[in-house]
Amino acid sequence: MATLEEVVKRQREGADFVISAAMLGMTSEAFDALVQPWLQAGGPGFAMTRVPHRKCIDGVFFIDRITVRRTA
């Protein structure tokens, strides 16, 4: 599985791309916990560009995919 840093590094500055739980080898629950702080402030080297995709597990919605734009 790729690391978050590897996924971001492969993209050119200004490019929109997807980061998913599956790409990082994480469960939807773990990915949701990782992504929550990024919703307002952005992540390391990227900013959120679209509404996150959510997956329903046992009646609870978890973020499992985000679309972002590389900023640095």
N, C-alpha and C. Protein backbone atom coordinates (compact mmCIF):
# COMPACT_ATOMS: atom_id res chain seq x y z
N MET A 1 0.83 -1.18 0.00
CA MET A 1 0.00 0.00 0.00
C MET A 1 0.88 1.25 0.00
N ALA A 2 0.38 2.27 -0.64
CA ALA A 2 1.08 3.55 -0.69
C ALA A 2 0.87 4.31 0.62
N THR A 3 1.84 5.15 0.94
CA THR A 3 1.65 6.04 2.09
C THR A 3 1.02 7.33 1.59
N LEU A 4 0.46 8.09 2.50
CA LEU A 4 -0.15 9.37 2.14
C LEU A 4 0.87 10.27 1.45
N GLU A 5 2.08 10.32 1.98
CA GLU A 5 3.12 11.17 1.40
C GLU A 5 3.45 10.76 -0.03
N GLU A 6 3.49 9.45 -0.31
CA GLU A 6 3.77 8.97 -1.66
C GLU A 6 2.67 9.37 -2.63
N VAL A 7 1.43 9.26 -2.20
CA VAL A 7 0.30 9.62 -3.06
C VAL A 7 0.36 11.11 -3.41
N VAL A 8 0.59 11.95 -2.42
CA VAL A 8 0.63 13.40 -2.63
C VAL A 8 1.83 13.77 -3.51
N LYS A 9 2.98 13.16 -3.25
CA LYS A 9 4.21 13.49 -3.98
C LYS A 9 4.10 13.19 -5.47
N ARG A 10 3.31 12.18 -5.85
CA ARG A 10 3.17 11.81 -7.26
C ARG A 10 2.40 12.84 -8.07
N GLN A 11 1.67 13.72 -7.42
CA GLN A 11 0.81 14.68 -8.11
C GLN A 11 1.56 15.99 -8.36
N ARG A 12 1.23 16.66 -9.46
CA ARG A 12 1.83 17.97 -9.72
C ARG A 12 1.06 19.03 -8.93
N GLU A 13 1.69 20.14 -8.66
CA GLU A 13 1.05 21.22 -7.91
C GLU A 13 -0.18 21.71 -8.68
N GLY A 14 -1.29 21.88 -7.98
CA GLY A 14 -2.55 22.33 -8.58
C GLY A 14 -3.43 21.22 -9.11
N ALA A 15 -2.94 19.98 -9.10
CA ALA A 15 -3.70 18.84 -9.61
C ALA A 15 -4.76 18.40 -8.60
N ASP A 16 -5.94 18.05 -9.11
CA ASP A 16 -6.98 17.44 -8.28
C ASP A 16 -6.79 15.93 -8.34
N PHE A 17 -6.92 15.26 -7.21
CA PHE A 17 -6.78 13.82 -7.18
C PHE A 17 -7.56 13.25 -6.00
N VAL A 18 -7.73 11.94 -6.02
CA VAL A 18 -8.52 11.23 -5.00
C VAL A 18 -7.58 10.50 -4.05
N ILE A 19 -7.92 10.54 -2.78
CA ILE A 19 -7.26 9.72 -1.76
C ILE A 19 -8.36 8.88 -1.12
N SER A 20 -8.18 7.57 -1.09
CA SER A 20 -9.21 6.70 -0.51
C SER A 20 -8.63 5.83 0.59
N ALA A 21 -9.53 5.31 1.40
CA ALA A 21 -9.13 4.39 2.46
C ALA A 21 -8.43 3.18 1.86
N ALA A 22 -8.96 2.66 0.77
CA ALA A 22 -8.39 1.47 0.13
C ALA A 22 -6.96 1.73 -0.36
N MET A 23 -6.71 2.93 -0.91
CA MET A 23 -5.37 3.27 -1.40
C MET A 23 -4.33 3.21 -0.29
N LEU A 24 -4.75 3.58 0.91
CA LEU A 24 -3.84 3.63 2.05
C LEU A 24 -3.89 2.36 2.90
N GLY A 25 -4.72 1.40 2.49
CA GLY A 25 -4.82 0.14 3.23
C GLY A 25 -5.48 0.31 4.59
N MET A 26 -6.44 1.23 4.68
CA MET A 26 -7.10 1.53 5.95
C MET A 26 -8.57 1.14 5.88
N THR A 27 -9.17 0.92 7.04
CA THR A 27 -10.62 0.74 7.10
C THR A 27 -11.27 2.11 6.93
N SER A 28 -12.55 2.11 6.59
CA SER A 28 -13.28 3.38 6.48
C SER A 28 -13.30 4.12 7.80
N GLU A 29 -13.42 3.39 8.90
CA GLU A 29 -13.46 4.01 10.22
C GLU A 29 -12.13 4.72 10.54
N ALA A 30 -11.01 4.06 10.26
CA ALA A 30 -9.69 4.65 10.53
C ALA A 30 -9.43 5.83 9.60
N PHE A 31 -9.83 5.70 8.34
CA PHE A 31 -9.63 6.79 7.38
C PHE A 31 -10.45 8.01 7.78
N ASP A 32 -11.69 7.78 8.22
CA ASP A 32 -12.55 8.88 8.67
C ASP A 32 -11.89 9.64 9.82
N ALA A 33 -11.33 8.92 10.78
CA ALA A 33 -10.66 9.57 11.91
C ALA A 33 -9.44 10.37 11.45
N LEU A 34 -8.72 9.86 10.47
CA LEU A 34 -7.56 10.57 9.93
C LEU A 34 -7.97 11.85 9.20
N VAL A 35 -9.06 11.78 8.45
CA VAL A 35 -9.49 12.88 7.58
C VAL A 35 -10.22 14.00 8.32
N GLN A 36 -10.89 13.71 9.40
CA GLN A 36 -11.71 14.72 10.09
C GLN A 36 -10.99 16.05 10.31
N PRO A 37 -9.75 16.09 10.81
CA PRO A 37 -9.08 17.39 11.02
C PRO A 37 -8.81 18.14 9.71
N TRP A 38 -8.74 17.42 8.59
CA TRP A 38 -8.45 18.05 7.31
C TRP A 38 -9.65 18.77 6.71
N LEU A 39 -10.85 18.48 7.17
CA LEU A 39 -12.05 19.05 6.56
C LEU A 39 -12.04 20.57 6.55
N GLN A 40 -11.55 21.19 7.59
CA GLN A 40 -11.49 22.65 7.66
C GLN A 40 -10.13 23.21 7.26
N ALA A 41 -9.07 22.58 7.72
CA ALA A 41 -7.73 23.16 7.56
C ALA A 41 -6.96 22.61 6.36
N GLY A 42 -7.44 21.54 5.74
CA GLY A 42 -6.67 20.91 4.68
C GLY A 42 -5.66 19.95 5.26
N GLY A 43 -5.07 19.15 4.40
CA GLY A 43 -4.12 18.16 4.85
C GLY A 43 -2.69 18.56 4.53
N PRO A 44 -1.75 17.66 4.77
CA PRO A 44 -0.34 17.96 4.52
C PRO A 44 -0.03 18.03 3.02
N GLY A 45 0.01 19.25 2.48
CA GLY A 45 0.33 19.45 1.07
C GLY A 45 -0.87 19.49 0.15
N PHE A 46 -2.08 19.51 0.69
CA PHE A 46 -3.27 19.56 -0.16
C PHE A 46 -4.43 20.22 0.56
N ALA A 47 -5.43 20.62 -0.23
CA ALA A 47 -6.67 21.22 0.29
C ALA A 47 -7.85 20.42 -0.24
N MET A 48 -8.88 20.29 0.56
CA MET A 48 -10.10 19.58 0.14
C MET A 48 -10.79 20.40 -0.95
N THR A 49 -11.29 19.72 -2.00
CA THR A 49 -11.95 20.43 -3.10
C THR A 49 -13.41 20.05 -3.29
N ARG A 50 -13.82 18.91 -2.80
CA ARG A 50 -15.20 18.46 -2.99
C ARG A 50 -15.73 17.85 -1.70
N VAL A 51 -17.01 17.58 -1.69
CA VAL A 51 -17.65 16.94 -0.54
C VAL A 51 -17.10 15.51 -0.44
N PRO A 52 -16.64 15.09 0.73
CA PRO A 52 -16.10 13.73 0.88
C PRO A 52 -17.17 12.66 0.62
N HIS A 53 -16.74 11.53 0.06
CA HIS A 53 -17.63 10.39 -0.15
C HIS A 53 -17.73 9.63 1.16
N ARG A 54 -18.94 9.24 1.51
CA ARG A 54 -19.14 8.52 2.77
C ARG A 54 -19.73 7.14 2.50
N LYS A 55 -19.36 6.20 3.35
CA LYS A 55 -19.85 4.83 3.29
C LYS A 55 -20.62 4.55 4.57
N CYS A 56 -21.78 3.92 4.46
CA CYS A 56 -22.60 3.60 5.62
C CYS A 56 -22.25 2.19 6.12
N ILE A 57 -21.84 2.13 7.38
CA ILE A 57 -21.53 0.85 8.02
C ILE A 57 -22.36 0.76 9.29
N ASP A 58 -23.27 -0.18 9.34
CA ASP A 58 -24.15 -0.37 10.50
C ASP A 58 -24.87 0.92 10.89
N GLY A 59 -25.34 1.67 9.89
CA GLY A 59 -26.11 2.88 10.14
C GLY A 59 -25.28 4.11 10.47
N VAL A 60 -23.96 4.00 10.43
CA VAL A 60 -23.07 5.14 10.70
C VAL A 60 -22.30 5.46 9.43
N PHE A 61 -22.22 6.74 9.08
CA PHE A 61 -21.52 7.16 7.87
C PHE A 61 -20.06 7.51 8.18
N PHE A 62 -19.15 6.92 7.40
CA PHE A 62 -17.71 7.17 7.54
C PHE A 62 -17.17 7.65 6.20
N ILE A 63 -16.26 8.63 6.24
CA ILE A 63 -15.61 9.11 5.02
C ILE A 63 -14.66 8.01 4.55
N ASP A 64 -14.80 7.61 3.26
CA ASP A 64 -13.89 6.59 2.73
C ASP A 64 -13.13 7.07 1.49
N ARG A 65 -13.46 8.30 1.02
CA ARG A 65 -12.77 8.83 -0.16
C ARG A 65 -12.88 10.34 -0.17
N ILE A 66 -11.77 11.02 -0.48
CA ILE A 66 -11.78 12.48 -0.56
C ILE A 66 -11.14 12.91 -1.88
N THR A 67 -11.59 14.05 -2.39
CA THR A 67 -10.96 14.67 -3.56
C THR A 67 -10.26 15.92 -3.07
N VAL A 68 -9.00 16.05 -3.45
CA VAL A 68 -8.16 17.13 -2.93
C VAL A 68 -7.38 17.79 -4.07
N ARG A 69 -6.79 18.94 -3.78
CA ARG A 69 -5.91 19.65 -4.73
C ARG A 69 -4.55 19.84 -4.08
N ARG A 70 -3.51 19.44 -4.79
CA ARG A 70 -2.15 19.61 -4.23
C ARG A 70 -1.80 21.09 -4.18
N THR A 71 -1.29 21.52 -3.04
CA THR A 71 -0.97 22.93 -2.84
C THR A 71 0.53 23.18 -2.75
N ALA A 72 1.31 22.20 -2.42
CA ALA A 72 2.76 22.41 -2.29
C ALA A 72 3.53 21.18 -2.68
